[in-house]
Amino acid sequence: MYTFAYPWHEVVPSQNRLEDIFLGDVSASLPRGIVPVFVGDRGYTRARLLERCLHDGTWLLLRGRAGTVVESQGRRLKLGELPGRPGTAVRYPDVLYHAHRRVPVDVVVYHDPTFAAPWYLLVPCWTRPAWTPTDVVRTYRQRMQIEQSFRDFKTHLGVRGLQLKVRVAERLGRLLLAFCLAYALLVLLGATPAGHRARRDLEVLRRTPRHGTRGARSRPSRGSSTAGRACVRPTGCPRSVSAAPSPLLLESEGGRARDSR
């Protein structure tokens, strides 16, 4: 569990600079031999950040903005004008991203018919031997699980509005460790038959699918609902269940960096 605190009193140049420092600290804190993969939404698709990450050999996967000017095979167009095939990931190699900085990246276009808009995923050109277009899409899909886990932390575990003023990093580290234990228990409870029954009884489905599903409740949210409905083990509920581990990735929202661990 890593926590970072920046109790600076001077004026920081920009939010972008803060994010760059944070990403560098995350990379430097990992044990030797661990290669991080940074997965970011459209708030991170800055040409300068792409340049720095490519220069440092950083593995990253970012969702691009459809309106950004790019050049592909000598043709200048907007990123959103790169054609794709429904349900199939299409890779465009050696695309020059940004009208002025012209950062070389590969673009993977993927459009699931159930999604509101296509994904335009940016990856370093040197990832081709390791990442097929399908691998790129599969890796980006995991961002949704991370997004959901942060929502659960904020909503169901009470992190939203949390303010610490003394020994922030130390206290936040202990608090997040306790939250992770509680989160794991809720995941296990949400995976039980009782958790599935709670979803059936309490969930209000979305009118239109999002990321391929109309479901709005995660396993932890089902677990918290199940715990609230009964104080004893429900009849038929197994004594133990297992859950697959989640990947360790980085995700961003609203211009703020967040670590998924």
Foldseek 3Di string as FASTA:
>chain_A
DFDDDDPDDDDDPDLVVVVVVVVVVVCVPDDPPDAAEAEEEQLPPDPVNLVVCVVVVHWYKYWHDQQWWKAAPNDIDGNVPPDDDAPDKDKGAQIQTHPPSGDTWIWIWYHHVLAPGITTMTTHRVCPVPADSVNSVVVNVLLVVLVQVVVCCVPVVPPPPDDDDPPVRVVVVVVVVVVVVLQVVQLFQCPWPLLVVLCVVPWDFAPGDHPRGRTDDHSSRSSVSSVVVDVDDDPPTDPGDDDDDRDWYWYDDPSDTDGSD
